[in-house]
C-alpha atoms as a PDB file:
ATOM      1  CA  MET A   1      89.809  55.629  88.499  1.00  0.00           C
ATOM      2  CA  ALA A   2      93.263  56.514  87.150  1.00  0.00           C
ATOM      3  CA  PHE A   3      94.349  56.622  83.531  1.00  0.00           C
ATOM      4  CA  CYS A   4      97.267  57.965  81.538  1.00  0.00           C
ATOM      5  CA  ALA A   5      97.881  59.251  78.030  1.00  0.00           C
ATOM      6  CA  ARG A   6     100.463  61.268  76.116  1.00  0.00           C
ATOM      7  CA  GLY A   7      98.132  64.065  75.005  1.00  0.00           C
ATOM      8  CA  GLU A   8      97.273  66.408  77.860  1.00  0.00           C
ATOM      9  CA  ASP A   9      94.312  68.163  76.214  1.00  0.00           C
ATOM     10  CA  GLY A  10      92.335  64.995  75.621  1.00  0.00           C
ATOM     11  CA  LEU A  11      93.367  63.597  78.978  1.00  0.00           C
ATOM     12  CA  ARG A  12      92.116  66.647  80.882  1.00  0.00           C
ATOM     13  CA  GLU A  13      88.867  66.636  78.919  1.00  0.00           C
ATOM     14  CA  THR A  14      88.250  62.993  79.843  1.00  0.00           C
ATOM     15  CA  GLU A  15      89.267  63.586  83.449  1.00  0.00           C
ATOM     16  CA  LYS A  16      86.766  66.454  83.779  1.00  0.00           C
ATOM     17  CA  GLU A  17      84.001  64.455  82.102  1.00  0.00           C
ATOM     18  CA  LEU A  18      84.505  61.616  84.590  1.00  0.00           C
ATOM     19  CA  GLN A  19      84.671  63.958  87.568  1.00  0.00           C
ATOM     20  CA  ASP A  20      81.514  65.764  86.459  1.00  0.00           C
ATOM     21  CA  SER A  21      79.715  62.409  86.390  1.00  0.00           C
ATOM     22  CA  GLY A  22      80.754  61.725  89.985  1.00  0.00           C
ATOM     23  CA  VAL A  23      83.749  59.482  89.364  1.00  0.00           C
ATOM     24  CA  ARG A  24      86.881  60.040  91.415  1.00  0.00           C
ATOM     25  CA  ALA A  25      89.262  60.360  88.468  1.00  0.00           C
ATOM     26  CA  LEU A  26      93.001  60.927  88.118  1.00  0.00           C
ATOM     27  CA  GLY A  27      94.535  61.643  84.715  1.00  0.00           C
ATOM     28  CA  VAL A  28      98.312  61.531  84.384  1.00  0.00           C
ATOM     29  CA  VAL A  29     100.331  62.601  81.351  1.00  0.00           C
ATOM     30  CA  ALA A  30     102.713  59.742  80.584  1.00  0.00           C
ATOM     31  CA  ASP A  31     104.356  57.990  77.646  1.00  0.00           C
ATOM     32  CA  VAL A  32     104.355  54.334  78.663  1.00  0.00           C
ATOM     33  CA  THR A  33     107.072  53.487  76.145  1.00  0.00           C
ATOM     34  CA  GLN A  34     109.489  55.482  78.302  1.00  0.00           C
ATOM     35  CA  ALA A  35     111.112  53.608  81.187  1.00  0.00           C
ATOM     36  CA  GLY A  36     109.916  54.929  84.523  1.00  0.00           C
ATOM     37  CA  ALA A  37     106.767  56.630  83.211  1.00  0.00           C
ATOM     38  CA  ILE A  38     104.348  53.821  83.942  1.00  0.00           C
ATOM     39  CA  GLU A  39     105.938  53.136  87.326  1.00  0.00           C
ATOM     40  CA  SER A  40     105.412  56.770  88.282  1.00  0.00           C
ATOM     41  CA  PHE A  41     101.802  56.624  87.089  1.00  0.00           C
ATOM     42  CA  VAL A  42     101.011  53.526  89.172  1.00  0.00           C
ATOM     43  CA  GLU A  43     102.647  55.141  92.221  1.00  0.00           C
ATOM     44  CA  GLN A  44     100.493  58.246  91.836  1.00  0.00           C
ATOM     45  CA  ALA A  45      97.351  56.170  91.339  1.00  0.00           C
ATOM     46  CA  ALA A  46      97.992  54.103  94.461  1.00  0.00           C
ATOM     47  CA  ALA A  47      98.875  57.159  96.542  1.00  0.00           C
ATOM     48  CA  GLN A  48      95.827  59.207  95.542  1.00  0.00           C
ATOM     49  CA  LEU A  49      93.205  56.472  95.192  1.00  0.00           C
ATOM     50  CA  GLY A  50      94.400  54.185  97.961  1.00  0.00           C
ATOM     51  CA  ARG A  51      94.813  50.887  96.117  1.00  0.00           C
ATOM     52  CA  VAL A  52      95.154  49.249  92.705  1.00  0.00           C
ATOM     53  CA  ASP A  53      92.415  46.693  92.034  1.00  0.00           C
ATOM     54  CA  VAL A  54      92.338  46.596  88.227  1.00  0.00           C
ATOM     55  CA  LEU A  55      94.948  47.225  85.528  1.00  0.00           C
ATOM     56  CA  VAL A  56      93.897  47.565  81.882  1.00  0.00           C
ATOM     57  CA  ASN A  57      96.745  47.607  79.367  1.00  0.00           C
ATOM     58  CA  ASN A  58      95.166  49.421  76.433  1.00  0.00           C
ATOM     59  CA  VAL A  59      98.165  50.945  74.657  1.00  0.00           C
ATOM     60  CA  GLY A  60      98.793  49.553  71.205  1.00  0.00           C
ATOM     61  CA  GLY A  61      99.093  50.071  67.523  1.00  0.00           C
ATOM     62  CA  SER A  62     100.826  48.947  64.386  1.00  0.00           C
ATOM     63  CA  VAL A  63     104.373  49.733  63.298  1.00  0.00           C
ATOM     64  CA  ARG A  64     104.610  48.947  59.586  1.00  0.00           C
ATOM     65  CA  GLY A  65     107.481  47.034  58.045  1.00  0.00           C
ATOM     66  CA  ASP A  66     109.509  43.935  58.847  1.00  0.00           C
ATOM     67  CA  THR A  67     112.777  45.556  59.907  1.00  0.00           C
ATOM     68  CA  GLU A  68     114.368  45.078  63.286  1.00  0.00           C
ATOM     69  CA  ASP A  69     113.466  48.659  64.217  1.00  0.00           C
ATOM     70  CA  ALA A  70     109.822  48.103  63.247  1.00  0.00           C
ATOM     71  CA  PHE A  71     109.584  45.009  65.436  1.00  0.00           C
ATOM     72  CA  ARG A  72     111.364  46.747  68.303  1.00  0.00           C
ATOM     73  CA  GLY A  73     108.969  49.694  68.097  1.00  0.00           C
ATOM     74  CA  ALA A  74     105.906  47.440  68.020  1.00  0.00           C
ATOM     75  CA  LEU A  75     107.193  45.419  70.963  1.00  0.00           C
ATOM     76  CA  GLU A  76     107.827  48.555  73.037  1.00  0.00           C
ATOM     77  CA  LEU A  77     104.403  50.002  72.250  1.00  0.00           C
ATOM     78  CA  ASN A  78     102.334  46.866  72.790  1.00  0.00           C
ATOM     79  CA  LEU A  79     104.046  44.151  74.825  1.00  0.00           C
ATOM     80  CA  ILE A  80     106.789  45.884  76.812  1.00  0.00           C
ATOM     81  CA  ALA A  81     104.467  48.689  77.935  1.00  0.00           C
ATOM     82  CA  ALA A  82     102.023  46.047  79.225  1.00  0.00           C
ATOM     83  CA  VAL A  83     104.811  44.160  80.989  1.00  0.00           C
ATOM     84  CA  ARG A  84     106.067  47.351  82.658  1.00  0.00           C
ATOM     85  CA  ALA A  85     102.600  48.322  83.825  1.00  0.00           C
ATOM     86  CA  THR A  86     101.904  44.825  85.114  1.00  0.00           C
ATOM     87  CA  ASN A  87     105.160  44.651  87.044  1.00  0.00           C
ATOM     88  CA  ALA A  88     104.463  48.079  88.539  1.00  0.00           C
ATOM     89  CA  ALA A  89     100.957  47.113  89.711  1.00  0.00           C
ATOM     90  CA  LEU A  90     101.747  43.631  91.021  1.00  0.00           C
ATOM     91  CA  PRO A  91     103.244  44.656  94.400  1.00  0.00           C
ATOM     92  CA  GLN A  92     100.011  46.490  95.243  1.00  0.00           C
ATOM     93  CA  MET A  93      97.858  43.552  94.169  1.00  0.00           C
ATOM     94  CA  ARG A  94     100.003  41.026  95.995  1.00  0.00           C
ATOM     95  CA  ALA A  95      99.784  43.043  99.190  1.00  0.00           C
ATOM     96  CA  GLN A  96      95.979  43.012  98.875  1.00  0.00           C
ATOM     97  CA  GLY A  97      95.790  39.370  97.838  1.00  0.00           C
ATOM     98  CA  SER A  98      93.591  40.266  94.883  1.00  0.00           C
ATOM     99  CA  GLY A  99      93.550  42.034  91.540  1.00  0.00           C
ATOM    100  CA  SER A 100      92.556  41.794  87.892  1.00  0.00           C
ATOM    101  CA  ILE A 101      94.865  42.495  84.944  1.00  0.00           C
ATOM    102  CA  ILE A 102      93.471  42.783  81.424  1.00  0.00           C
ATOM    103  CA  HIS A 103      95.480  43.112  78.210  1.00  0.00           C
ATOM    104  CA  ILE A 104      93.753  44.572  75.144  1.00  0.00           C
ATOM    105  CA  SER A 105      95.064  42.438  72.294  1.00  0.00           C
ATOM    106  CA  SER A 106      93.322  41.787  68.965  1.00  0.00           C
ATOM    107  CA  ILE A 107      91.654  39.038  66.965  1.00  0.00           C
ATOM    108  CA  PHE A 108      94.844  39.308  64.917  1.00  0.00           C
ATOM    109  CA  GLY A 109      96.757  38.034  67.916  1.00  0.00           C
ATOM    110  CA  ARG A 110      94.682  34.844  67.795  1.00  0.00           C
ATOM    111  CA  GLU A 111      94.862  34.249  64.059  1.00  0.00           C
ATOM    112  CA  ALA A 112      96.742  35.579  61.020  1.00  0.00           C
ATOM    113  CA  GLY A 113      95.924  39.121  59.954  1.00  0.00           C
ATOM    114  CA  GLY A 114      97.100  42.707  60.119  1.00  0.00           C
ATOM    115  CA  SER A 115     100.698  43.749  59.657  1.00  0.00           C
ATOM    116  CA  LEU A 116     103.623  41.450  60.490  1.00  0.00           C
ATOM    117  CA  THR A 117     104.592  43.385  63.586  1.00  0.00           C
ATOM    118  CA  TYR A 118     101.043  43.851  64.856  1.00  0.00           C
ATOM    119  CA  ASN A 119     100.163  40.172  64.478  1.00  0.00           C
ATOM    120  CA  ALA A 120     103.323  39.066  66.290  1.00  0.00           C
ATOM    121  CA  VAL A 121     103.123  41.414  69.270  1.00  0.00           C
ATOM    122  CA  LYS A 122      99.386  40.984  69.827  1.00  0.00           C
ATOM    123  CA  ALA A 123      99.921  37.212  69.912  1.00  0.00           C
ATOM    124  CA  ALA A 124     102.694  37.794  72.443  1.00  0.00           C
ATOM    125  CA  MET A 125     100.318  39.800  74.649  1.00  0.00           C
ATOM    126  CA  ILE A 126      97.823  36.924  74.725  1.00  0.00           C
ATOM    127  CA  SER A 127     100.616  34.488  75.571  1.00  0.00           C
ATOM    128  CA  HIS A 128     101.911  36.756  78.340  1.00  0.00           C
ATOM    129  CA  ALA A 129      98.438  37.051  79.880  1.00  0.00           C
ATOM    130  CA  LYS A 130      97.837  33.291  79.743  1.00  0.00           C
ATOM    131  CA  ASN A 131     101.113  32.295  81.332  1.00  0.00           C
ATOM    132  CA  LEU A 132     101.051  35.063  83.933  1.00  0.00           C
ATOM    133  CA  ALA A 133      97.529  33.981  84.894  1.00  0.00           C
ATOM    134  CA  LEU A 134      98.810  30.503  85.761  1.00  0.00           C
ATOM    135  CA  GLN A 135     101.571  31.966  87.929  1.00  0.00           C
ATOM    136  CA  LEU A 136      99.357  34.425  89.791  1.00  0.00           C
ATOM    137  CA  ALA A 137      96.175  32.377  90.294  1.00  0.00           C
ATOM    138  CA  PRO A 138      97.327  31.018  93.697  1.00  0.00           C
ATOM    139  CA  GLU A 139      97.749  34.631  94.866  1.00  0.00           C
ATOM    140  CA  GLY A 140      94.193  35.644  94.000  1.00  0.00           C
ATOM    141  CA  ILE A 141      95.207  37.736  90.999  1.00  0.00           C
ATOM    142  CA  ARG A 142      93.454  37.111  87.683  1.00  0.00           C
ATOM    143  CA  VAL A 143      94.935  37.886  84.245  1.00  0.00           C
ATOM    144  CA  ASN A 144      92.934  37.839  81.015  1.00  0.00           C
ATOM    145  CA  SER A 145      93.030  39.375  77.560  1.00  0.00           C
ATOM    146  CA  ILE A 146      90.433  40.767  75.186  1.00  0.00           C
ATOM    147  CA  ALA A 147      90.635  40.417  71.411  1.00  0.00           C
ATOM    148  CA  PRO A 148      88.630  43.165  69.683  1.00  0.00           C
ATOM    149  CA  GLY A 149      87.756  43.052  66.045  1.00  0.00           C
ATOM    150  CA  SER A 150      87.458  46.178  63.904  1.00  0.00           C
ATOM    151  CA  VAL A 151      86.252  49.032  66.107  1.00  0.00           C
ATOM    152  CA  GLN A 152      85.194  52.458  64.828  1.00  0.00           C
ATOM    153  CA  HIS A 153      85.593  55.411  67.165  1.00  0.00           C
ATOM    154  CA  PRO A 154      86.224  59.139  66.571  1.00  0.00           C
ATOM    155  CA  GLY A 155      89.844  59.746  65.639  1.00  0.00           C
ATOM    156  CA  GLY A 156      90.579  56.055  65.074  1.00  0.00           C
ATOM    157  CA  SER A 157      91.967  54.463  61.920  1.00  0.00           C
ATOM    158  CA  TRP A 158      88.684  52.765  60.968  1.00  0.00           C
ATOM    159  CA  ASP A 159      86.805  56.025  61.427  1.00  0.00           C
ATOM    160  CA  ARG A 160      89.289  57.765  59.146  1.00  0.00           C
ATOM    161  CA  ARG A 161      88.893  55.062  56.492  1.00  0.00           C
ATOM    162  CA  VAL A 162      85.106  55.304  56.648  1.00  0.00           C
ATOM    163  CA  GLN A 163      85.334  59.065  56.058  1.00  0.00           C
ATOM    164  CA  GLU A 164      87.776  58.617  53.169  1.00  0.00           C
ATOM    165  CA  ASP A 165      86.113  55.640  51.466  1.00  0.00           C
ATOM    166  CA  PRO A 166      82.590  54.964  52.745  1.00  0.00           C
ATOM    167  CA  GLU A 167      81.693  52.609  49.886  1.00  0.00           C
ATOM    168  CA  GLY A 168      84.889  50.591  50.268  1.00  0.00           C
ATOM    169  CA  MET A 169      84.384  50.292  54.006  1.00  0.00           C
ATOM    170  CA  ALA A 170      80.777  49.215  53.505  1.00  0.00           C
ATOM    171  CA  ARG A 171      82.062  46.402  51.276  1.00  0.00           C
ATOM    172  CA  PHE A 172      84.686  45.502  53.905  1.00  0.00           C
ATOM    173  CA  VAL A 173      82.031  45.211  56.597  1.00  0.00           C
ATOM    174  CA  ALA A 174      79.749  43.137  54.374  1.00  0.00           C
ATOM    175  CA  GLN A 175      82.569  40.736  53.516  1.00  0.00           C
ATOM    176  CA  ASN A 176      84.273  40.468  56.915  1.00  0.00           C
ATOM    177  CA  ILE A 177      81.917  41.210  59.835  1.00  0.00           C
ATOM    178  CA  PRO A 178      78.866  38.943  60.072  1.00  0.00           C
ATOM    179  CA  SER A 179      77.140  41.340  62.483  1.00  0.00           C
ATOM    180  CA  GLY A 180      77.090  43.917  59.686  1.00  0.00           C
ATOM    181  CA  ARG A 181      78.802  46.841  61.403  1.00  0.00           C
ATOM    182  CA  PHE A 182      81.951  47.993  63.136  1.00  0.00           C
ATOM    183  CA  GLY A 183      82.230  47.570  66.879  1.00  0.00           C
ATOM    184  CA  THR A 184      82.262  50.452  69.357  1.00  0.00           C
ATOM    185  CA  ALA A 185      84.652  51.411  72.126  1.00  0.00           C
ATOM    186  CA  GLU A 186      81.767  51.056  74.588  1.00  0.00           C
ATOM    187  CA  GLU A 187      81.336  47.396  73.634  1.00  0.00           C
ATOM    188  CA  ILE A 188      84.997  46.699  74.363  1.00  0.00           C
ATOM    189  CA  ALA A 189      84.695  48.602  77.642  1.00  0.00           C
ATOM    190  CA  SER A 190      81.714  46.476  78.677  1.00  0.00           C
ATOM    191  CA  ALA A 191      83.796  43.328  78.231  1.00  0.00           C
ATOM    192  CA  VAL A 192      86.589  44.876  80.295  1.00  0.00           C
ATOM    193  CA  VAL A 193      84.167  45.750  83.103  1.00  0.00           C
ATOM    194  CA  PHE A 194      82.847  42.182  83.152  1.00  0.00           C
ATOM    195  CA  LEU A 195      86.302  40.586  83.283  1.00  0.00           C
ATOM    196  CA  ALA A 196      87.366  43.000  86.019  1.00  0.00           C
ATOM    197  CA  SER A 197      84.287  42.317  88.126  1.00  0.00           C
ATOM    198  CA  PRO A 198      83.526  39.633  90.744  1.00  0.00           C
ATOM    199  CA  ARG A 199      81.124  38.067  88.215  1.00  0.00           C
ATOM    200  CA  ALA A 200      84.233  36.842  86.379  1.00  0.00           C
ATOM    201  CA  SER A 201      85.846  35.502  89.554  1.00  0.00           C
ATOM    202  CA  TRP A 202      86.601  32.076  88.039  1.00  0.00           C
ATOM    203  CA  ILE A 203      87.854  33.388  84.698  1.00  0.00           C
ATOM    204  CA  THR A 204      91.610  33.679  84.386  1.00  0.00           C
ATOM    205  CA  GLY A 205      93.986  32.956  81.533  1.00  0.00           C
ATOM    206  CA  ALA A 206      91.189  33.489  79.019  1.00  0.00           C
ATOM    207  CA  CYS A 207      91.108  35.535  75.823  1.00  0.00           C
ATOM    208  CA  LEU A 208      87.666  36.918  74.994  1.00  0.00           C
ATOM    209  CA  ASN A 209      86.803  37.838  71.410  1.00  0.00           C
ATOM    210  CA  VAL A 210      84.663  40.968  71.056  1.00  0.00           C
ATOM    211  CA  ASP A 211      84.330  41.137  67.306  1.00  0.00           C
ATOM    212  CA  GLY A 212      80.800  40.698  65.962  1.00  0.00           C
ATOM    213  CA  GLY A 213      81.809  37.313  64.537  1.00  0.00           C
ATOM    214  CA  GLN A 214      84.727  38.711  62.531  1.00  0.00           C
ATOM    215  CA  SER A 215      87.351  36.190  63.628  1.00  0.00           C
ATOM    216  CA  ARG A 216      87.529  32.746  62.074  1.00  0.00           C
ATOM    217  CA  SER A 217      89.539  30.685  64.568  1.00  0.00           C
ATOM    218  CA  ASN A 218      87.824  27.852  66.447  1.00  0.00           C
ATOM    219  CA  ILE A 219      89.910  28.559  69.557  1.00  0.00           C
END
């Protein structure tokens, strides 16, 4: 398993945790918004682990505002990083005749919500996954996306809001999430594992909501 992140301390901690549990893990310090960084990461992963079977594009976030710079920043962070990573991994997958690519989008890529920039670029990620899936299906490569709802994890924005305003966040959950709680990172990871696995062999071009019923769209 190979993964990258900008912060070396957290990356090394995760790498050691995985290795201690028996996983062959490679952590690489990289900023995927910088041209060449993701290509170098994929090269290292292929060289040290032997092949690239699954790519999960999990970088994202919101850039507030409606200026050109705000949209450019959001596009670089969410969509362009995913496109770069995908293009870097595709030669390996094509050579194998198989592979699974998964974009982590948002329920606010499927329906209105969130900031202007976030809503636009998350929708673009879903569109990219859908259309790329149609192109790559004849080559045995599947492409899907996952649309999480509000997920609370240590250090995340929802976790910070819960600490700052527990009563307000309790009201938010009651009003917006039928399941009555925030989601967890582990629940998103379980959906990723399923879509990456042979059990999802006939699923491509799909977007899977993992949101406790939070979204409202029929499609």
